[in-house]
């Protein structure tokens, strides 16, 4: 009986910890407030590149239009090589609610141009850029 009560308590707590993110939650313009990089061992030159990329992502904005189109905008003064990321502009986006992954691209490329893991923690939204170490703390523009 005691184990049954423990199981019921655990099962009832699971929904409280789930993110329950829906596509509708993401529609709109989002701006990166802060960008973090996990601690890693790198050469000085690599660290400078990472810091430059990090600075370039701060204040970048991600717009998820209701019609499924996507836009990425950077602020002025970003490193030239980051401008290449703008190739994802005017592509499409899809959100998989079961794993909270945003896929950006086209049907032709199977939405593989960019992936973003979306998570909400204590009311704050984070975008984790797949294939990079960056986590962006996001604010939704009103």
Protein backbone atom coordinates (compact mmCIF):
# COMPACT_ATOMS: atom_id res chain seq x y z
CA UNK A 1 0.00 0.00 0.00
CA UNK A 2 2.84 2.35 0.85
CA UNK A 3 4.49 1.74 -2.53
CA UNK A 4 1.18 2.39 -4.28
CA UNK A 5 0.90 5.78 -2.58
CA UNK A 6 4.49 6.65 -3.54
CA UNK A 7 3.78 5.66 -7.19
CA UNK A 8 0.63 7.77 -7.28
CA UNK A 9 2.51 10.77 -5.86
CA UNK A 10 5.25 10.43 -8.48
CA UNK A 11 2.79 10.00 -11.34
CA UNK A 12 0.72 12.97 -10.24
CA UNK A 13 3.85 15.18 -10.15
CA UNK A 14 4.90 14.41 -13.74
CA UNK A 15 2.44 16.85 -15.38
CA UNK A 16 3.70 19.62 -13.10
CA UNK A 17 7.20 19.22 -14.53
CA UNK A 18 6.25 18.77 -18.18
CA UNK A 19 6.66 21.79 -20.42
CA UNK A 20 3.36 21.54 -22.29
CA UNK A 21 4.66 23.80 -25.04
CA UNK A 22 2.36 24.26 -28.01
CA UNK A 23 3.01 25.75 -31.43
CA UNK A 24 0.75 28.68 -30.52
CA UNK A 25 3.06 29.52 -27.59
CA UNK A 26 5.90 30.21 -30.02
CA UNK A 27 4.20 32.37 -32.63
CA UNK A 28 5.61 35.88 -32.62
CA UNK A 29 8.94 37.62 -32.38
CA UNK A 30 11.49 36.46 -29.82
CA UNK A 31 14.72 38.26 -28.91
CA UNK A 32 17.79 36.74 -27.28
CA UNK A 33 18.33 38.55 -23.98
CA UNK A 34 21.41 36.60 -22.92
CA UNK A 35 23.49 33.82 -24.45
CA UNK A 36 25.40 31.21 -22.48
CA UNK A 37 28.09 28.75 -23.44
CA UNK A 38 28.87 25.76 -21.23
CA UNK A 39 32.34 25.54 -19.75
CA UNK A 40 34.67 23.91 -22.29
CA UNK A 41 38.38 23.54 -22.70
CA UNK A 42 39.44 25.49 -25.79
CA UNK A 43 42.45 27.15 -27.30
CA UNK A 44 42.51 30.95 -26.90
CA UNK A 45 41.72 31.48 -30.59
CA UNK A 46 38.72 29.14 -30.41
CA UNK A 47 37.46 30.90 -27.28
CA UNK A 48 37.69 34.27 -29.04
CA UNK A 49 35.61 32.91 -31.93
CA UNK A 50 33.04 31.49 -29.51
CA UNK A 51 32.81 34.80 -27.64
CA UNK A 52 32.38 36.63 -30.95
CA UNK A 53 29.57 34.26 -31.93
CA UNK A 54 28.00 34.62 -28.50
CA UNK A 55 28.04 38.41 -28.79
CA UNK A 56 26.51 38.14 -32.26
CA UNK A 57 23.56 36.12 -30.96
CA UNK A 58 22.74 38.61 -28.18
CA UNK A 59 19.74 40.69 -29.30
CA UNK A 60 19.20 38.49 -32.36
CA UNK A 61 15.53 38.00 -33.09
CA UNK A 62 13.59 34.96 -34.25
CA UNK A 63 10.16 35.50 -35.78
CA UNK A 64 7.77 32.59 -36.09
CA UNK A 65 4.88 33.76 -38.27
CA UNK A 66 1.43 32.15 -37.95
CA UNK A 67 1.59 31.14 -41.64
CA UNK A 68 4.68 29.02 -40.91
CA UNK A 69 7.36 31.36 -42.28
CA UNK A 70 10.48 32.11 -40.28
CA UNK A 71 12.85 35.07 -40.07
CA UNK A 72 16.15 35.51 -38.25
CA UNK A 73 17.53 39.01 -37.72
CA UNK A 74 20.82 40.10 -36.21
CA UNK A 75 21.74 43.49 -34.81
CA UNK A 76 24.25 45.71 -36.56
CA UNK A 77 27.91 44.99 -36.00
CA UNK A 78 27.79 41.19 -36.04
CA UNK A 79 30.81 39.30 -37.35
CA UNK A 80 30.67 38.95 -41.14
CA UNK A 81 30.62 35.15 -41.02
CA UNK A 82 27.42 35.26 -38.93
CA UNK A 83 25.57 37.04 -41.73
CA UNK A 84 25.72 33.74 -43.58
CA UNK A 85 23.13 32.40 -41.14
CA UNK A 86 20.56 34.72 -42.65
CA UNK A 87 20.07 32.15 -45.42
CA UNK A 88 17.32 30.71 -43.22
CA UNK A 89 15.20 33.85 -43.69
CA UNK A 90 11.85 33.34 -45.39
CA UNK A 91 12.00 29.58 -44.90
CA UNK A 92 9.42 27.63 -42.90
CA UNK A 93 9.18 26.32 -39.37
CA UNK A 94 7.54 23.34 -37.71
CA UNK A 95 7.27 22.53 -34.03
CA UNK A 96 7.19 19.00 -32.70
CA UNK A 97 5.21 19.26 -29.46
CA UNK A 98 6.24 15.79 -28.30
CA UNK A 99 9.96 16.61 -28.09
CA UNK A 100 9.89 20.46 -28.13
CA UNK A 101 12.07 20.71 -31.22
CA UNK A 102 11.64 23.50 -33.73
CA UNK A 103 12.71 22.53 -37.24
CA UNK A 104 13.48 25.26 -39.74
CA UNK A 105 13.87 24.83 -43.48
CA UNK A 106 11.72 23.73 -46.40
CA UNK A 107 9.91 20.59 -47.45
CA UNK A 108 12.67 20.05 -50.01
CA UNK A 109 15.39 19.91 -47.32
CA UNK A 110 13.08 18.20 -44.81
CA UNK A 111 13.30 21.18 -42.43
CA UNK A 112 16.94 20.55 -41.60
CA UNK A 113 18.52 23.99 -42.04
CA UNK A 114 18.33 24.80 -38.33
CA UNK A 115 17.09 23.03 -35.24
CA UNK A 116 16.12 24.68 -31.97
CA UNK A 117 15.30 22.81 -28.79
CA UNK A 118 12.74 24.91 -26.96
CA UNK A 119 12.38 24.69 -23.22
CA UNK A 120 10.62 26.66 -20.55
CA UNK A 121 12.05 26.75 -17.05
CA UNK A 122 10.34 28.69 -14.24
CA UNK A 123 8.42 30.74 -16.79
CA UNK A 124 11.54 31.70 -18.76
CA UNK A 125 11.88 30.53 -22.39
CA UNK A 126 15.17 29.17 -23.71
CA UNK A 127 16.24 28.25 -27.24
CA UNK A 128 19.07 25.73 -27.43
CA UNK A 129 20.62 25.84 -30.88
CA UNK A 130 21.21 22.31 -32.11
CA UNK A 131 24.72 21.59 -33.36
CA UNK A 132 26.08 24.45 -31.26
CA UNK A 133 26.84 24.97 -27.57
CA UNK A 134 24.67 28.08 -27.29
CA UNK A 135 21.63 28.50 -25.05
CA UNK A 136 19.66 31.68 -25.66
CA UNK A 137 17.46 33.17 -22.96
CA UNK A 138 14.54 34.59 -24.90
CA UNK A 139 11.98 37.33 -24.36
CA UNK A 140 8.86 37.59 -26.46
CA UNK A 141 8.30 41.00 -28.04
CA UNK A 142 4.82 42.33 -27.43
